[in-house]
Amino acid sequence: MNTDPKPATALVIDLEGSKVQDTLYVCLRVVTDNGHIRNPDSHSQYSDLAMRGHYSPSSSAHRACWLGWPVEYSKPYSVGLEFAELMVKTLRRIRKHFDKLNERFGYAPDFETDAVRFADAVGATVIIRKLKDGGSGWSYDDSQYDRFPVSSMPSLLLRMLDE
């Protein structure tokens, strides 16, 4: 069973949605020693782990229209007993981390704050975001990315919703 080293873990923020209800995913990717962006190994604790937020794009007050934001394994391809146990262990560790932060600071008032807590729980230190005008290929190597500190996540998420 592979586990990705925490210092090499970076967050990627992707927007996906529909006209009625949009969904924003905060997904985990790995940055290698030579700076390449990769998906986590298929059976690592971070494979398919994401935080999903639902919002209504028709409202101009995005903070008021978040409908939920679970931490989950989104779309795992195949799951055996060993990986299922790792998934449960990881989700429980993240929940425990959230519980400690909730006791210390109170419950997060919005998706942006909880997304920072999610990054902290998994040890992520960087947000990477694909440049709209950069790269035309499907692979990470064919695209260009901006890098941001995790502390900039709330303003970055709000700016992305307004785009």
N, C-alpha and C. Protein backbone atom coordinates (compact mmCIF):
# COMPACT_ATOMS: atom_id res chain seq x y z
N MET A 1 0.84 -1.17 0.00
CA MET A 1 0.00 0.00 0.00
C MET A 1 0.89 1.24 0.00
N ASN A 2 0.74 2.09 -0.99
CA ASN A 2 1.55 3.31 -1.09
C ASN A 2 0.93 4.44 -0.29
N THR A 3 1.76 5.25 0.32
CA THR A 3 1.29 6.48 0.92
C THR A 3 2.16 7.59 0.39
N ASP A 4 1.54 8.66 -0.06
CA ASP A 4 2.28 9.78 -0.62
C ASP A 4 2.83 10.62 0.51
N PRO A 5 4.09 11.02 0.43
CA PRO A 5 4.66 11.84 1.50
C PRO A 5 3.96 13.19 1.56
N LYS A 6 3.60 13.61 2.76
CA LYS A 6 2.84 14.85 2.92
C LYS A 6 3.53 16.08 2.34
N PRO A 7 4.85 16.26 2.48
CA PRO A 7 5.44 17.47 1.93
C PRO A 7 5.28 17.62 0.42
N ALA A 8 5.07 16.52 -0.30
CA ALA A 8 4.95 16.60 -1.75
C ALA A 8 3.51 16.76 -2.20
N THR A 9 2.58 16.89 -1.28
CA THR A 9 1.17 16.98 -1.64
C THR A 9 0.78 18.43 -1.89
N ALA A 10 0.11 18.67 -3.00
CA ALA A 10 -0.37 20.00 -3.34
C ALA A 10 -1.84 19.92 -3.69
N LEU A 11 -2.56 20.98 -3.49
CA LEU A 11 -3.97 21.02 -3.83
C LEU A 11 -4.18 21.57 -5.23
N VAL A 12 -5.12 20.98 -5.93
CA VAL A 12 -5.57 21.50 -7.21
C VAL A 12 -7.03 21.86 -7.03
N ILE A 13 -7.41 23.02 -7.50
CA ILE A 13 -8.81 23.45 -7.41
C ILE A 13 -9.41 23.42 -8.80
N ASP A 14 -10.49 22.66 -8.96
CA ASP A 14 -11.19 22.56 -10.23
C ASP A 14 -12.63 22.98 -10.05
N LEU A 15 -13.19 23.67 -11.03
CA LEU A 15 -14.61 23.99 -11.04
C LEU A 15 -15.32 23.09 -12.04
N GLU A 16 -16.37 22.44 -11.58
CA GLU A 16 -17.23 21.66 -12.45
C GLU A 16 -18.65 22.07 -12.12
N GLY A 17 -19.56 22.01 -13.08
CA GLY A 17 -20.92 22.37 -12.72
C GLY A 17 -21.93 22.21 -13.81
N SER A 18 -23.14 22.57 -13.45
CA SER A 18 -24.26 22.59 -14.37
C SER A 18 -24.93 23.95 -14.26
N LYS A 19 -25.93 24.20 -15.09
CA LYS A 19 -26.61 25.50 -15.05
C LYS A 19 -27.46 25.65 -13.79
N VAL A 20 -27.97 24.55 -13.25
CA VAL A 20 -28.85 24.62 -12.10
C VAL A 20 -28.07 24.65 -10.79
N GLN A 21 -27.14 23.73 -10.63
CA GLN A 21 -26.36 23.65 -9.39
C GLN A 21 -24.92 23.34 -9.72
N ASP A 22 -24.02 24.22 -9.38
CA ASP A 22 -22.60 24.02 -9.67
C ASP A 22 -21.90 23.34 -8.51
N THR A 23 -20.82 22.65 -8.84
CA THR A 23 -20.03 21.93 -7.85
C THR A 23 -18.58 22.34 -7.99
N LEU A 24 -17.95 22.61 -6.89
CA LEU A 24 -16.53 22.93 -6.87
C LEU A 24 -15.83 21.83 -6.11
N TYR A 25 -14.76 21.27 -6.70
CA TYR A 25 -13.98 20.22 -6.07
C TYR A 25 -12.61 20.76 -5.68
N VAL A 26 -12.17 20.45 -4.47
CA VAL A 26 -10.79 20.66 -4.05
C VAL A 26 -10.17 19.27 -4.03
N CYS A 27 -9.32 18.98 -5.01
CA CYS A 27 -8.73 17.65 -5.20
C CYS A 27 -7.25 17.67 -4.86
N LEU A 28 -6.73 16.51 -4.49
CA LEU A 28 -5.31 16.39 -4.16
C LEU A 28 -4.52 15.87 -5.34
N ARG A 29 -3.38 16.49 -5.57
CA ARG A 29 -2.40 16.04 -6.56
C ARG A 29 -1.04 16.02 -5.88
N VAL A 30 -0.08 15.35 -6.48
CA VAL A 30 1.27 15.24 -5.94
C VAL A 30 2.22 16.02 -6.84
N VAL A 31 3.10 16.80 -6.23
CA VAL A 31 4.17 17.47 -6.96
C VAL A 31 5.45 16.69 -6.67
N THR A 32 6.08 16.17 -7.72
CA THR A 32 7.29 15.36 -7.55
C THR A 32 8.49 16.24 -7.23
N ASP A 33 9.60 15.60 -6.90
CA ASP A 33 10.83 16.33 -6.58
C ASP A 33 11.28 17.24 -7.71
N ASN A 34 11.02 16.84 -8.96
CA ASN A 34 11.44 17.67 -10.09
C ASN A 34 10.35 18.64 -10.54
N GLY A 35 9.29 18.79 -9.73
CA GLY A 35 8.26 19.79 -9.99
C GLY A 35 7.12 19.35 -10.87
N HIS A 36 7.09 18.08 -11.28
CA HIS A 36 5.99 17.59 -12.11
C HIS A 36 4.76 17.33 -11.26
N ILE A 37 3.60 17.61 -11.82
CA ILE A 37 2.33 17.39 -11.14
C ILE A 37 1.79 16.03 -11.57
N ARG A 38 1.38 15.24 -10.60
CA ARG A 38 0.87 13.90 -10.88
C ARG A 38 -0.34 13.62 -9.99
N ASN A 39 -1.16 12.65 -10.43
CA ASN A 39 -2.21 12.12 -9.56
C ASN A 39 -1.54 11.27 -8.50
N PRO A 40 -2.12 11.20 -7.31
CA PRO A 40 -1.58 10.26 -6.31
C PRO A 40 -1.67 8.83 -6.84
N ASP A 41 -0.80 7.95 -6.34
CA ASP A 41 -0.87 6.54 -6.72
C ASP A 41 -2.30 6.03 -6.52
N SER A 42 -2.72 5.11 -7.36
CA SER A 42 -4.13 4.69 -7.39
C SER A 42 -4.63 4.10 -6.09
N HIS A 43 -3.76 3.59 -5.23
CA HIS A 43 -4.23 3.05 -3.95
C HIS A 43 -3.53 3.72 -2.77
N SER A 44 -3.21 5.01 -2.93
CA SER A 44 -2.68 5.76 -1.80
C SER A 44 -3.84 6.35 -1.03
N GLN A 45 -3.57 6.85 0.15
CA GLN A 45 -4.63 7.44 0.98
C GLN A 45 -5.23 8.68 0.33
N TYR A 46 -4.54 9.29 -0.64
CA TYR A 46 -5.03 10.53 -1.26
C TYR A 46 -5.66 10.30 -2.63
N SER A 47 -5.63 9.08 -3.14
CA SER A 47 -6.21 8.81 -4.45
C SER A 47 -7.72 9.04 -4.40
N ASP A 48 -8.22 9.93 -5.24
CA ASP A 48 -9.65 10.26 -5.35
C ASP A 48 -10.21 10.98 -4.13
N LEU A 49 -9.37 11.41 -3.19
CA LEU A 49 -9.86 12.15 -2.03
C LEU A 49 -10.12 13.59 -2.44
N ALA A 50 -11.28 14.10 -2.10
CA ALA A 50 -11.66 15.46 -2.50
C ALA A 50 -12.63 16.06 -1.50
N MET A 51 -12.74 17.37 -1.56
CA MET A 51 -13.76 18.09 -0.82
C MET A 51 -14.66 18.73 -1.87
N ARG A 52 -15.96 18.52 -1.74
CA ARG A 52 -16.90 18.96 -2.77
C ARG A 52 -17.85 20.00 -2.18
N GLY A 53 -17.95 21.14 -2.83
CA GLY A 53 -18.88 22.17 -2.40
C GLY A 53 -19.92 22.44 -3.47
N HIS A 54 -21.18 22.54 -3.07
CA HIS A 54 -22.26 22.87 -4.00
C HIS A 54 -22.65 24.32 -3.77
N TYR A 55 -22.86 25.05 -4.85
CA TYR A 55 -23.29 26.44 -4.72
C TYR A 55 -24.24 26.78 -5.85
N SER A 56 -24.99 27.84 -5.66
CA SER A 56 -25.92 28.31 -6.67
C SER A 56 -25.29 29.46 -7.44
N PRO A 57 -25.02 29.30 -8.73
CA PRO A 57 -24.37 30.36 -9.49
C PRO A 57 -25.27 31.55 -9.78
N SER A 58 -26.57 31.39 -9.56
CA SER A 58 -27.50 32.48 -9.88
C SER A 58 -27.48 33.59 -8.82
N SER A 59 -26.92 33.31 -7.66
CA SER A 59 -26.87 34.30 -6.59
C SER A 59 -25.57 35.08 -6.67
N SER A 60 -25.63 36.38 -6.41
CA SER A 60 -24.41 37.18 -6.41
C SER A 60 -23.69 37.09 -5.07
N ALA A 61 -24.37 36.64 -4.03
CA ALA A 61 -23.75 36.50 -2.70
C ALA A 61 -23.33 35.05 -2.52
N HIS A 62 -22.18 34.67 -3.09
CA HIS A 62 -21.75 33.27 -3.08
C HIS A 62 -21.62 32.70 -1.67
N ARG A 63 -21.22 33.50 -0.71
CA ARG A 63 -21.06 32.98 0.65
C ARG A 63 -22.39 32.48 1.21
N ALA A 64 -23.48 33.12 0.82
CA ALA A 64 -24.79 32.77 1.37
C ALA A 64 -25.43 31.58 0.66
N CYS A 65 -24.85 31.12 -0.46
CA CYS A 65 -25.55 30.09 -1.22
C CYS A 65 -24.80 28.76 -1.26
N TRP A 66 -23.81 28.53 -0.37
CA TRP A 66 -23.17 27.21 -0.30
C TRP A 66 -24.17 26.23 0.29
N LEU A 67 -24.29 25.06 -0.32
CA LEU A 67 -25.29 24.09 0.10
C LEU A 67 -24.71 22.89 0.82
N GLY A 68 -23.41 22.76 0.87
CA GLY A 68 -22.77 21.64 1.56
C GLY A 68 -21.40 21.38 0.98
N TRP A 69 -20.55 20.76 1.79
CA TRP A 69 -19.19 20.50 1.34
C TRP A 69 -18.58 19.31 2.04
N PRO A 70 -18.96 18.10 1.64
CA PRO A 70 -18.40 16.90 2.27
C PRO A 70 -16.97 16.61 1.82
N VAL A 71 -16.19 15.97 2.69
CA VAL A 71 -14.90 15.39 2.32
C VAL A 71 -15.20 13.94 2.00
N GLU A 72 -14.75 13.49 0.83
CA GLU A 72 -15.12 12.15 0.37
C GLU A 72 -14.12 11.63 -0.64
N TYR A 73 -14.24 10.36 -0.92
CA TYR A 73 -13.51 9.76 -2.04
C TYR A 73 -14.46 9.83 -3.23
N SER A 74 -14.11 10.65 -4.20
CA SER A 74 -15.00 10.83 -5.35
C SER A 74 -14.55 9.93 -6.49
N LYS A 75 -15.42 9.08 -6.91
CA LYS A 75 -15.23 8.23 -8.07
C LYS A 75 -14.01 7.30 -8.01
N PRO A 76 -13.80 6.56 -6.93
CA PRO A 76 -12.70 5.59 -6.97
C PRO A 76 -13.03 4.49 -7.97
N TYR A 77 -12.03 4.05 -8.72
CA TYR A 77 -12.25 3.07 -9.79
C TYR A 77 -12.54 1.67 -9.24
N SER A 78 -11.69 1.22 -8.33
CA SER A 78 -11.91 -0.09 -7.72
C SER A 78 -11.42 -0.04 -6.28
N VAL A 79 -12.14 -0.72 -5.41
CA VAL A 79 -11.82 -0.68 -3.99
C VAL A 79 -11.88 -2.09 -3.42
N GLY A 80 -10.74 -2.58 -2.94
CA GLY A 80 -10.68 -3.84 -2.23
C GLY A 80 -10.71 -3.57 -0.73
N LEU A 81 -10.71 -4.60 0.06
CA LEU A 81 -10.80 -4.47 1.51
C LEU A 81 -9.67 -3.62 2.08
N GLU A 82 -8.43 -3.88 1.63
CA GLU A 82 -7.27 -3.15 2.17
C GLU A 82 -7.38 -1.65 1.88
N PHE A 83 -7.79 -1.30 0.65
CA PHE A 83 -7.94 0.11 0.31
C PHE A 83 -9.14 0.73 1.02
N ALA A 84 -10.22 -0.04 1.17
CA ALA A 84 -11.39 0.46 1.88
C ALA A 84 -11.04 0.80 3.33
N GLU A 85 -10.24 -0.06 3.97
CA GLU A 85 -9.81 0.21 5.34
C GLU A 85 -8.93 1.46 5.40
N LEU A 86 -8.07 1.66 4.41
CA LEU A 86 -7.23 2.86 4.35
C LEU A 86 -8.09 4.11 4.15
N MET A 87 -9.10 3.99 3.31
CA MET A 87 -10.01 5.12 3.08
C MET A 87 -10.73 5.52 4.37
N VAL A 88 -11.25 4.54 5.08
CA VAL A 88 -11.95 4.82 6.34
C VAL A 88 -11.00 5.45 7.36
N LYS A 89 -9.80 4.89 7.46
CA LYS A 89 -8.81 5.43 8.39
C LYS A 89 -8.48 6.89 8.06
N THR A 90 -8.30 7.19 6.78
CA THR A 90 -7.99 8.55 6.35
C THR A 90 -9.15 9.50 6.63
N LEU A 91 -10.37 9.08 6.30
CA LEU A 91 -11.53 9.93 6.56
C LEU A 91 -11.72 10.19 8.06
N ARG A 92 -11.48 9.18 8.89
CA ARG A 92 -11.59 9.36 10.34
C ARG A 92 -10.51 10.32 10.85
N ARG A 93 -9.29 10.21 10.31
CA ARG A 93 -8.20 11.11 10.72
C ARG A 93 -8.55 12.55 10.35
N ILE A 94 -9.10 12.74 9.15
CA ILE A 94 -9.49 14.09 8.72
C ILE A 94 -10.63 14.61 9.59
N ARG A 95 -11.61 13.77 9.88
CA ARG A 95 -12.74 14.18 10.73
C ARG A 95 -12.24 14.59 12.12
N LYS A 96 -11.31 13.80 12.67
CA LYS A 96 -10.74 14.12 13.99
C LYS A 96 -10.01 15.47 13.95
N HIS A 97 -9.28 15.72 12.87
CA HIS A 97 -8.58 17.00 12.71
C HIS A 97 -9.59 18.15 12.65
N PHE A 98 -10.67 17.96 11.88
CA PHE A 98 -11.73 18.97 11.80
C PHE A 98 -12.36 19.19 13.17
N ASP A 99 -12.63 18.12 13.92
CA ASP A 99 -13.23 18.24 15.24
C ASP A 99 -12.36 19.07 16.17
N LYS A 100 -11.04 18.85 16.14
CA LYS A 100 -10.12 19.63 16.98
C LYS A 100 -10.16 21.11 16.60
N LEU A 101 -10.17 21.40 15.30
CA LEU A 101 -10.24 22.79 14.85
C LEU A 101 -11.58 23.42 15.21
N ASN A 102 -12.66 22.64 15.11
CA ASN A 102 -13.98 23.16 15.48
C ASN A 102 -14.05 23.49 16.97
N GLU A 103 -13.43 22.65 17.80
CA GLU A 103 -13.39 22.93 19.24
C GLU A 103 -12.59 24.20 19.53
N ARG A 104 -11.51 24.38 18.80
CA ARG A 104 -10.64 25.52 19.05
C ARG A 104 -11.18 26.83 18.47
N PHE A 105 -11.71 26.79 17.24
CA PHE A 105 -12.11 28.01 16.54
C PHE A 105 -13.60 28.11 16.26
N GLY A 106 -14.38 27.07 16.57
CA GLY A 106 -15.78 27.04 16.19
C GLY A 106 -15.92 26.44 14.80
N TYR A 107 -17.15 26.14 14.42
CA TYR A 107 -17.39 25.55 13.12
C TYR A 107 -17.08 26.55 12.02
N ALA A 108 -16.57 26.05 10.91
CA ALA A 108 -16.24 26.92 9.77
C ALA A 108 -17.52 27.53 9.23
N PRO A 109 -17.53 28.84 8.99
CA PRO A 109 -18.75 29.50 8.52
C PRO A 109 -19.02 29.30 7.04
N ASP A 110 -18.04 28.80 6.29
CA ASP A 110 -18.22 28.71 4.84
C ASP A 110 -17.27 27.67 4.25
N PHE A 111 -17.49 27.38 2.98
CA PHE A 111 -16.68 26.40 2.26
C PHE A 111 -15.22 26.82 2.22
N GLU A 112 -14.95 28.09 2.00
CA GLU A 112 -13.58 28.56 1.87
C GLU A 112 -12.76 28.25 3.12
N THR A 113 -13.34 28.47 4.30
CA THR A 113 -12.65 28.20 5.56
C THR A 113 -12.44 26.71 5.75
N ASP A 114 -13.46 25.92 5.46
CA ASP A 114 -13.31 24.47 5.59
C ASP A 114 -12.31 23.90 4.59
N ALA A 115 -12.19 24.51 3.41
CA ALA A 115 -11.22 24.05 2.42
C ALA A 115 -9.80 24.25 2.94
N VAL A 116 -9.55 25.35 3.65
CA VAL A 116 -8.24 25.57 4.27
C VAL A 116 -8.00 24.52 5.35
N ARG A 117 -9.02 24.19 6.12
CA ARG A 117 -8.90 23.17 7.16
C ARG A 117 -8.63 21.80 6.54
N PHE A 118 -9.25 21.52 5.40
CA PHE A 118 -9.00 20.27 4.68
C PHE A 118 -7.53 20.20 4.25
N ALA A 119 -7.03 21.28 3.69
CA ALA A 119 -5.62 21.33 3.29
C ALA A 119 -4.70 21.08 4.48
N ASP A 120 -5.03 21.67 5.61
CA ASP A 120 -4.23 21.48 6.82
C ASP A 120 -4.29 20.02 7.29
N ALA A 121 -5.46 19.42 7.20
CA ALA A 121 -5.64 18.04 7.66
C ALA A 121 -4.82 17.04 6.85
N VAL A 122 -4.62 17.31 5.56
CA VAL A 122 -3.88 16.38 4.72
C VAL A 122 -2.42 16.80 4.55
N GLY A 123 -2.04 17.93 5.14
CA GLY A 123 -0.65 18.38 5.06
C GLY A 123 -0.29 19.08 3.76
N ALA A 124 -1.28 19.56 3.02
CA ALA A 124 -1.00 20.26 1.77
C ALA A 124 -0.47 21.67 2.06
N THR A 125 0.49 22.11 1.26
CA THR A 125 1.11 23.41 1.49
C THR A 125 0.97 24.36 0.31
N VAL A 126 0.48 23.87 -0.81
CA VAL A 126 0.42 24.67 -2.04
C VAL A 126 -0.90 24.42 -2.75
N ILE A 127 -1.43 25.46 -3.38
CA ILE A 127 -2.56 25.31 -4.29
C ILE A 127 -2.00 25.52 -5.69
N ILE A 128 -2.37 24.66 -6.61
CA ILE A 128 -1.98 24.87 -8.00
C ILE A 128 -3.24 25.00 -8.83
N ARG A 129 -3.21 25.92 -9.79
CA ARG A 129 -4.38 26.16 -10.63
C ARG A 129 -3.93 26.29 -12.08
N LYS A 130 -4.56 25.53 -12.95
CA LYS A 130 -4.22 25.56 -14.36
C LYS A 130 -4.51 26.93 -14.94
N LEU A 131 -3.58 27.44 -15.73
CA LEU A 131 -3.79 28.71 -16.42
C LEU A 131 -4.76 28.50 -17.57
N LYS A 132 -5.71 29.40 -17.72
CA LYS A 132 -6.70 29.25 -18.77
C LYS A 132 -6.07 29.27 -20.16
N ASP A 133 -5.09 30.12 -20.35
CA ASP A 133 -4.50 30.26 -21.68
C ASP A 133 -3.22 29.44 -21.85
N GLY A 134 -2.89 28.63 -20.86
CA GLY A 134 -1.64 27.88 -20.93
C GLY A 134 -1.84 26.43 -21.28
N GLY A 135 -1.13 25.97 -22.26
CA GLY A 135 -1.14 24.55 -22.59
C GLY A 135 -2.38 24.10 -23.33
N SER A 136 -2.21 23.14 -24.19
CA SER A 136 -3.36 22.64 -24.94
C SER A 136 -3.51 21.13 -24.82
N GLY A 137 -2.61 20.47 -24.12
CA GLY A 137 -2.66 19.02 -24.00
C GLY A 137 -3.50 18.58 -22.82
N TRP A 138 -3.69 17.26 -22.72
CA TRP A 138 -4.50 16.71 -21.65
C TRP A 138 -3.69 16.36 -20.43
N SER A 139 -2.36 16.23 -20.55
CA SER A 139 -1.56 15.80 -19.41
C SER A 139 -1.12 17.00 -18.58
N TYR A 140 -0.70 16.74 -17.35
CA TYR A 140 -0.20 17.81 -16.49
C TYR A 140 1.03 18.45 -17.10
N ASP A 141 1.87 17.67 -17.77
CA ASP A 141 3.09 18.20 -18.37
C ASP A 141 2.81 19.12 -19.55
N ASP A 142 1.66 18.98 -20.19
CA ASP A 142 1.30 19.81 -21.34
C ASP A 142 0.63 21.12 -20.93
N SER A 143 0.46 21.35 -19.65
CA SER A 143 -0.25 22.53 -19.17
C SER A 143 0.64 23.35 -18.25
N GLN A 144 0.26 24.60 -18.07
CA GLN A 144 0.99 25.50 -17.17
C GLN A 144 0.10 25.81 -15.96
N TYR A 145 0.74 25.98 -14.80
CA TYR A 145 0.01 26.19 -13.56
C TYR A 145 0.56 27.37 -12.78
N ASP A 146 -0.33 28.08 -12.10
CA ASP A 146 0.05 29.06 -11.10
C ASP A 146 0.08 28.35 -9.76
N ARG A 147 0.94 28.81 -8.86
CA ARG A 147 1.03 28.25 -7.51
C ARG A 147 0.68 29.34 -6.50
N PHE A 148 -0.06 28.93 -5.46
CA PHE A 148 -0.51 29.86 -4.43
C PHE A 148 -0.30 29.21 -3.06
N PRO A 149 -0.07 30.01 -2.02
CA PRO A 149 -0.03 29.43 -0.67
C PRO A 149 -1.45 29.04 -0.25
N VAL A 150 -1.55 28.05 0.62
CA VAL A 150 -2.86 27.59 1.08
C VAL A 150 -3.64 28.72 1.75
N SER A 151 -2.94 29.63 2.39
CA SER A 151 -3.62 30.75 3.07
C SER A 151 -4.41 31.63 2.11
N SER A 152 -4.11 31.56 0.82
CA SER A 152 -4.84 32.39 -0.16
C SER A 152 -6.10 31.69 -0.68
N MET A 153 -6.38 30.48 -0.19
CA MET A 153 -7.51 29.73 -0.72
C MET A 153 -8.86 30.46 -0.62
N PRO A 154 -9.23 31.08 0.51
CA PRO A 154 -10.54 31.74 0.54
C PRO A 154 -10.72 32.79 -0.55
N SER A 155 -9.75 33.67 -0.72
CA SER A 155 -9.90 34.71 -1.74
C SER A 155 -9.84 34.11 -3.15
N LEU A 156 -9.03 33.09 -3.34
CA LEU A 156 -8.94 32.44 -4.65
C LEU A 156 -10.26 31.77 -5.02
N LEU A 157 -10.88 31.07 -4.08
CA LEU A 157 -12.16 30.41 -4.35
C LEU A 157 -13.24 31.43 -4.69
N LEU A 158 -13.31 32.51 -3.94
CA LEU A 158 -14.32 33.53 -4.22
C LEU A 158 -14.08 34.18 -5.58
N ARG A 159 -12.83 34.43 -5.91
CA ARG A 159 -12.49 35.02 -7.21
C ARG A 159 -12.88 34.05 -8.35
N MET A 160 -12.65 32.76 -8.14
CA MET A 160 -13.02 31.77 -9.16
C MET A 160 -14.52 31.73 -9.38
N LEU A 161 -15.30 31.89 -8.34
CA LEU A 161 -16.76 31.88 -8.48
C LEU A 161 -17.26 33.08 -9.26
N ASP A 162 -16.54 34.19 -9.19
CA ASP A 162 -16.94 35.40 -9.89
C ASP A 162 -16.50 35.43 -11.36
N GLU A 163 -15.64 34.50 -11.75
CA GLU A 163 -15.14 34.48 -13.13
C GLU A 163 -16.19 34.06 -14.11
